[in-house]
Every structure is written in C-alpha cells, then in structure tokens.
Amino acid sequence: MPSLKVNGRVYDVPGSADAPLLFALRNDLKLNGPKFGCGLSQCGACLVLVDGQPVRSCVTSAGAVEGQEITTLEGLGTLENPSRLQKAFMTEEAAMQCGYCINGVILRAKALLDQNPKPSEGEVRLALDGNLCRCGAQNRMVRAVLRASREP
C-alpha cells in the first residue's frame, strides 16, 4: 500500500505499489484530471507533475513516486479560483475543445513556466510538442501559455 503526497495531502492508497500511478489517482483518489489516453506514454493525457517535473502516470508505478510531491490539474486551482494558467486556457483564449488532452497540456505548461517564466513562442511550442491534441486547438494553447506568462 503506497503512501502518496498528492496536491499537498498525504494518502494511503490501497493496492499494489506496482500499479500505475494513473489508476491510483483516478480510481482510488477520484482525481479526474489525469486521463487514460494511449497507455503507452505517447499522448500525454495522463501527465502529472512529480516534484515539479512532468511524468506520464500511465507508465509510472505508484510506488516509484512514494514520498514525492505529486501535482494534478486539481492541485492548480478550482472553478471558483483558477490558476492564471487555467484562466488563460478556459476563459481568455478558449484553448480547449474536447478537454481530453488539456490536463497534460496545462501541467506541461506549468512545468515550463515554473522553469522559464517568460518563454518565447518557440519554447512553448517545443515544450507542448509531446502532448497530442486531435481537436486542432494547438495555436490557442500556445497563446494561452504566452498570456499566462505575461500575468503576475
């Protein structure tokens, strides 16, 4: 039974430490930000931050991240009080359509902005390159990240 620190709280998660982190987050902790996309570490829908670094939770075991800070989309803000990045995506740039990929995109953007608060457009595009979006909202996503980088 792994003990996971998620969004600032510690949880004892039932099940095997070898189980994918994604399953522990979605099934046991009822966090719906990370999505099951491909299950092969290729699409980015399952992305979470582990100690601030993007990690694909579909291929990372829950036991492998025990004792580390895990951040999911739910840990960034709420509907009533969204983070600057969530606000840029949701309202200012309308940078999502179906919403399936957006979890990974926003978390990867957060990791980028934490490391480089004022990225260029090219740096944003490079950072988001590993996240698949089939809706065609990539340009709006880039604009949302750039907008968030200009906010205090």
Protein backbone atom coordinates (compact mmCIF):
# COMPACT_ATOMS: atom_id res chain seq x y z
CA MET A 1 0.00 0.00 0.00
CA PRO A 2 1.85 3.12 -1.18
CA SER A 3 1.59 6.44 0.62
CA LEU A 4 1.24 9.27 -1.91
CA LYS A 5 1.52 13.02 -1.39
CA VAL A 6 -0.93 14.50 -3.89
CA ASN A 7 -1.79 18.18 -4.15
CA GLY A 8 -0.36 18.81 -0.68
CA ARG A 9 -2.16 15.97 1.12
CA VAL A 10 -0.89 12.52 2.06
CA TYR A 11 -2.99 9.47 1.18
CA ASP A 12 -2.51 5.79 1.92
CA VAL A 13 -3.59 4.22 -1.35
CA PRO A 14 -4.89 0.65 -1.33
CA GLY A 15 -3.45 -1.76 -3.83
CA SER A 16 -0.08 -2.69 -5.17
CA ALA A 17 2.84 -0.28 -5.30
CA ASP A 18 3.44 -1.71 -8.79
CA ALA A 19 0.08 -0.46 -10.08
CA PRO A 20 0.20 2.52 -12.42
CA LEU A 21 0.06 5.87 -10.66
CA LEU A 22 -2.76 6.85 -13.03
CA PHE A 23 -5.01 4.13 -11.59
CA ALA A 24 -4.28 5.18 -8.00
CA LEU A 25 -5.08 8.82 -8.83
CA ARG A 26 -8.28 8.16 -10.79
CA ASN A 27 -9.69 5.05 -9.12
CA ASP A 28 -8.59 5.43 -5.52
CA LEU A 29 -8.34 9.20 -5.07
CA LYS A 30 -11.11 10.08 -7.56
CA LEU A 31 -8.98 12.72 -9.31
CA ASN A 32 -10.21 13.06 -12.87
CA GLY A 33 -7.61 15.46 -14.26
CA PRO A 34 -5.20 12.77 -15.47
CA LYS A 35 -6.77 10.76 -18.29
CA PHE A 36 -6.09 7.32 -19.70
CA GLY A 37 -5.18 8.01 -23.30
CA CYS A 38 -2.86 5.58 -25.01
CA GLY A 39 -1.41 3.73 -22.01
CA LEU A 40 1.94 3.74 -23.81
CA SER A 41 3.46 7.05 -22.66
CA GLN A 42 2.88 8.66 -26.05
CA CYS A 43 -0.07 11.06 -25.79
CA GLY A 44 0.41 13.00 -22.54
CA ALA A 45 -3.20 12.85 -21.35
CA CYS A 46 -2.09 11.16 -18.11
CA LEU A 47 0.60 13.73 -17.29
CA VAL A 48 1.15 14.80 -13.68
CA LEU A 49 3.96 16.75 -12.06
CA VAL A 50 6.26 14.89 -9.68
CA ASP A 51 8.42 17.30 -7.73
CA GLY A 52 7.63 19.82 -10.47
CA GLN A 53 8.69 17.61 -13.38
CA PRO A 54 6.26 16.20 -15.99
CA VAL A 55 5.70 12.46 -15.54
CA ARG A 56 3.42 10.18 -17.52
CA SER A 57 1.37 8.45 -14.87
CA CYS A 58 0.21 5.60 -17.12
CA VAL A 59 3.70 4.04 -17.12
CA THR A 60 4.92 5.16 -13.68
CA SER A 61 4.17 2.92 -10.73
CA ALA A 62 2.58 4.42 -7.63
CA GLY A 63 5.45 3.06 -5.55
CA ALA A 64 8.04 4.81 -7.71
CA VAL A 65 6.81 8.24 -6.61
CA GLU A 66 6.16 7.50 -2.95
CA GLY A 67 7.36 10.40 -0.80
CA GLN A 68 7.47 12.84 -3.71
CA GLU A 69 5.08 15.75 -4.31
CA ILE A 70 2.55 14.85 -6.99
CA THR A 71 0.54 17.65 -8.56
CA THR A 72 -2.54 17.02 -10.66
CA LEU A 73 -4.71 19.50 -12.53
CA GLU A 74 -6.95 19.66 -9.46
CA GLY A 75 -4.00 20.95 -7.45
CA LEU A 76 -3.57 24.08 -9.57
CA GLY A 77 -6.86 25.82 -8.82
CA THR A 78 -10.62 25.49 -8.67
CA LEU A 79 -13.51 26.62 -10.84
CA GLU A 80 -14.08 29.46 -8.37
CA ASN A 81 -10.38 30.36 -8.13
CA PRO A 82 -8.48 29.06 -11.18
CA SER A 83 -4.73 29.48 -11.52
CA ARG A 84 -3.56 32.08 -14.04
CA LEU A 85 -2.78 29.26 -16.45
CA GLN A 86 -6.22 27.66 -16.08
CA LYS A 87 -7.87 31.05 -16.50
CA ALA A 88 -5.90 31.72 -19.69
CA PHE A 89 -6.94 28.35 -21.11
CA MET A 90 -10.58 28.38 -20.01
CA THR A 91 -11.78 31.92 -20.49
CA GLU A 92 -9.24 34.19 -22.10
CA GLU A 93 -8.13 32.06 -25.06
CA ALA A 94 -10.79 29.29 -25.12
CA ALA A 95 -7.85 26.97 -25.69
CA MET A 96 -9.61 23.65 -25.50
CA GLN A 97 -12.36 21.78 -27.21
CA CYS A 98 -12.97 18.21 -26.07
CA GLY A 99 -10.77 18.62 -22.99
CA TYR A 100 -9.15 15.20 -23.13
CA CYS A 101 -5.58 16.38 -23.71
CA ILE A 102 -5.86 19.58 -21.69
CA ASN A 103 -4.76 18.02 -18.40
CA GLY A 104 -1.35 17.15 -19.79
CA VAL A 105 -1.00 20.35 -21.76
CA ILE A 106 -1.69 22.60 -18.78
CA LEU A 107 0.60 20.63 -16.48
CA ARG A 108 3.42 20.64 -19.02
CA ALA A 109 2.88 24.39 -19.47
CA LYS A 110 3.06 24.84 -15.69
CA ALA A 111 6.37 22.99 -15.56
CA LEU A 112 7.66 25.20 -18.38
CA LEU A 113 6.55 28.46 -16.73
CA ASP A 114 8.00 27.37 -13.39
CA GLN A 115 11.38 26.87 -15.07
CA ASN A 116 11.12 29.72 -17.60
CA PRO A 117 8.59 32.38 -16.58
CA LYS A 118 8.89 34.27 -19.90
CA PRO A 119 9.25 31.69 -22.67
CA SER A 120 9.27 32.52 -26.35
CA GLU A 121 6.59 31.15 -28.66
CA GLY A 122 9.11 28.62 -29.97
CA GLU A 123 9.92 27.44 -26.44
CA VAL A 124 6.23 26.98 -25.68
CA ARG A 125 5.68 25.01 -28.87
CA LEU A 126 8.69 22.80 -28.11
CA ALA A 127 7.51 22.16 -24.53
CA LEU A 128 3.99 21.19 -25.65
CA ASP A 129 5.20 19.06 -28.56
CA GLY A 130 4.90 15.78 -26.62
CA ASN A 131 1.19 16.25 -25.92
CA LEU A 132 -1.21 15.07 -28.59
CA CYS A 133 -4.34 17.08 -29.39
CA ARG A 134 -6.66 15.95 -32.15
CA CYS A 135 -9.03 18.93 -31.96
CA GLY A 136 -6.67 21.38 -33.60
CA ALA A 137 -6.53 23.84 -30.70
CA GLN A 138 -2.73 23.95 -30.53
CA ASN A 139 -2.37 27.59 -31.59
CA ARG A 140 -4.86 28.70 -28.95
CA MET A 141 -2.99 26.61 -26.38
CA VAL A 142 0.27 28.35 -27.23
CA ARG A 143 -1.46 31.74 -26.94
CA ALA A 144 -2.87 30.73 -23.54
CA VAL A 145 0.58 29.81 -22.22
CA LEU A 146 2.05 33.05 -23.53
CA ARG A 147 -0.83 35.02 -21.98
CA ALA A 148 -0.29 33.30 -18.63
CA SER A 149 3.42 34.13 -18.84
CA ARG A 150 2.55 37.83 -19.04
CA GLU A 151 0.30 37.72 -15.94
CA PRO A 152 1.77 38.43 -12.50
